[in-house]
Structures are given as structure tokens and as C-alpha cells.
Amino acid sequence: MAMLVVNGTTLRSPSEMTWGLQDISAADAGRTEDGTMHKNRIAQKRKLSCGWQNISPADAAAILTAVNSEYMSVTYFDAMDGGTETREMYVGDRSAPIKWWYGTNGRIYSKLTLNFIER
């Protein structure tokens, strides 16, 4: 099974992928004067933090193009459910520091990182 499928396109497997679960609290959540937390959880959302090490410009472009929609269908292995899930997600900030390989006239990105966040 592929690690990540976005809108039906299998992405190159990331070098690292961290699964996360975020609690979304109501606007009136917070601590009262006695110090008691009133979380008022209204939802939980998945987050996948992905990174690709030493990636070529062509591979970086293919991944960035595949995740450029406002929202997308993402299929991945979910740690909490213990199986493959497909969820509607969006991508947060993306970054790709460039690295020059002297003597080969080539360049690669030392790392491409992005987060998939459940809508």
C-alpha cells in the first residue's frame, strides 16, 4: 500500500511522516477563576506532518503540484483507527530549502516539508 494517495495520485513515500490528532475547542473554552479547565471539545482533526529528504526539483514539483488544491482527498494509514483512512484535508505551509551540489552542477532540496490537516 502507498503511504500517501492524494486525489487518486500516489505520492512518493515521505522520508518521515508523523501522525497527529488535534482537539478543536469551542470559542467559550478556557479556565474559570478557580483554575478548572473547560475544554468544550467540539471536534477532533487529524494532522499528517510529512518530510522528504534530499529530493530532486522534479520530485518536489510533482508533490507540490499534487497538493496545490484548496482541499483534497488524502488516503493514509491512521494510527488511531489502525487502518487505511481517506479524509478531506488541506495543506498548510510548505517549505523546501535548496542545496547546491558543487562539482555536479546539480541542485536538490535538502528537505521538502508540509502538513496535511483535516478539514
Protein backbone atom coordinates (compact mmCIF):
# COMPACT_ATOMS: atom_id res chain seq x y z
CA MET A 1 0.00 0.00 0.00
CA ALA A 2 1.20 3.52 -0.78
CA MET A 3 1.92 5.77 2.20
CA LEU A 4 0.06 8.74 0.69
CA VAL A 5 -2.52 8.99 -2.06
CA VAL A 6 -3.82 12.47 -2.89
CA ASN A 7 -6.88 12.82 -5.13
CA GLY A 8 -6.13 9.36 -6.53
CA THR A 9 -2.44 10.11 -7.23
CA THR A 10 0.16 8.09 -5.32
CA LEU A 11 2.85 10.40 -3.96
CA ARG A 12 6.46 9.42 -3.50
CA SER A 13 6.72 8.00 0.04
CA PRO A 14 7.93 10.62 2.51
CA SER A 15 11.18 10.08 4.41
CA GLU A 16 9.22 10.81 7.56
CA MET A 17 5.56 11.14 8.40
CA THR A 18 4.16 11.99 11.83
CA TRP A 19 0.51 11.34 12.63
CA GLY A 20 -1.21 13.78 15.00
CA LEU A 21 -4.64 14.37 16.50
CA GLN A 22 -5.81 17.88 17.32
CA ASP A 23 -8.69 18.76 19.63
CA ILE A 24 -10.85 21.66 18.49
CA SER A 25 -12.45 23.51 21.40
CA ALA A 26 -15.50 25.78 21.43
CA ALA A 27 -14.99 29.55 21.48
CA ASP A 28 -16.03 29.69 25.14
CA ALA A 29 -13.42 27.13 26.25
CA GLY A 30 -10.85 28.10 28.85
CA ARG A 31 -10.15 28.20 32.56
CA THR A 32 -12.54 29.59 35.12
CA GLU A 33 -11.37 31.67 38.06
CA ASP A 34 -10.98 28.54 40.22
CA GLY A 35 -8.42 27.18 37.72
CA THR A 36 -10.67 24.47 36.29
CA MET A 37 -10.26 23.86 32.55
CA HIS A 38 -13.45 23.73 30.49
CA LYS A 39 -12.16 22.34 27.22
CA ASN A 40 -15.56 22.05 25.50
CA ARG A 41 -14.19 19.86 22.71
CA ILE A 42 -16.35 20.14 19.63
CA ALA A 43 -14.25 18.08 17.18
CA GLN A 44 -11.03 16.17 16.63
CA LYS A 45 -8.97 16.55 13.45
CA ARG A 46 -6.06 14.55 12.04
CA LYS A 47 -2.76 16.13 11.03
CA LEU A 48 0.00 14.49 9.00
CA SER A 49 3.41 16.18 9.11
CA CYS A 50 5.42 14.96 6.11
CA GLY A 51 9.02 15.42 5.02
CA TRP A 52 11.05 14.27 2.05
CA GLN A 53 14.87 14.35 2.43
CA ASN A 54 17.24 15.32 -0.40
CA ILE A 55 14.54 15.48 -3.04
CA SER A 56 15.08 16.41 -6.67
CA PRO A 57 13.44 19.52 -8.13
CA ALA A 58 11.29 17.30 -10.39
CA ASP A 59 10.03 15.18 -7.47
CA ALA A 60 9.42 18.28 -5.33
CA ALA A 61 7.45 19.89 -8.16
CA ALA A 62 5.34 16.74 -8.64
CA ILE A 63 4.44 16.62 -4.94
CA LEU A 64 3.75 20.35 -4.66
CA THR A 65 1.57 20.28 -7.77
CA ALA A 66 -0.39 17.28 -6.46
CA VAL A 67 -1.18 19.07 -3.17
CA ASN A 68 -1.97 22.51 -4.60
CA SER A 69 -5.77 22.20 -4.46
CA GLU A 70 -7.61 24.10 -1.75
CA TYR A 71 -8.99 20.80 -0.39
CA MET A 72 -8.09 17.25 -1.35
CA SER A 73 -8.86 13.62 -0.62
CA VAL A 74 -5.94 12.04 1.26
CA THR A 75 -5.58 8.30 1.86
CA TYR A 76 -3.06 7.24 4.52
CA PHE A 77 -2.58 4.80 7.41
CA ASP A 78 -4.31 6.18 10.51
CA ALA A 79 -2.64 5.47 13.87
CA MET A 80 -5.84 5.80 15.91
CA ASP A 81 -8.08 3.71 13.69
CA GLY A 82 -5.36 1.15 12.90
CA GLY A 83 -6.15 1.04 9.21
CA THR A 84 -6.25 2.94 5.96
CA GLU A 85 -8.35 6.10 6.03
CA THR A 86 -9.43 8.60 3.43
CA ARG A 87 -10.20 12.09 4.71
CA GLU A 88 -10.73 15.52 3.22
CA MET A 89 -7.71 17.68 4.05
CA TYR A 90 -5.90 20.84 3.13
CA VAL A 91 -2.19 21.61 3.14
CA GLY A 92 -0.63 24.20 5.45
CA ASP A 93 2.65 25.99 4.81
CA ARG A 94 5.17 24.27 2.57
CA SER A 95 8.94 24.75 2.62
CA ALA A 96 11.88 23.43 0.59
CA PRO A 97 15.39 24.76 1.34
CA ILE A 98 17.58 24.36 -1.72
CA LYS A 99 21.02 22.74 -1.60
CA TRP A 100 23.64 23.05 -4.34
CA TRP A 101 25.85 20.06 -5.12
CA TYR A 102 29.09 21.63 -6.33
CA GLY A 103 31.02 19.73 -8.95
CA THR A 104 27.89 18.11 -10.37
CA ASN A 105 26.13 21.33 -11.46
CA GLY A 106 23.07 19.92 -9.75
CA ARG A 107 20.75 21.04 -7.07
CA ILE A 108 18.31 19.31 -4.78
CA TYR A 109 16.13 20.37 -1.93
CA SER A 110 17.60 19.33 1.39
CA LYS A 111 14.07 18.73 2.63
CA LEU A 112 10.52 19.35 1.46
CA THR A 113 8.04 19.67 4.33
CA LEU A 114 4.30 20.15 4.51
CA ASN A 115 1.34 19.32 6.74
CA PHE A 116 -1.95 17.75 5.73
CA ILE A 117 -4.68 18.99 8.07
CA GLU A 118 -8.17 17.51 8.21
CA ARG A 119 -10.86 19.94 7.10
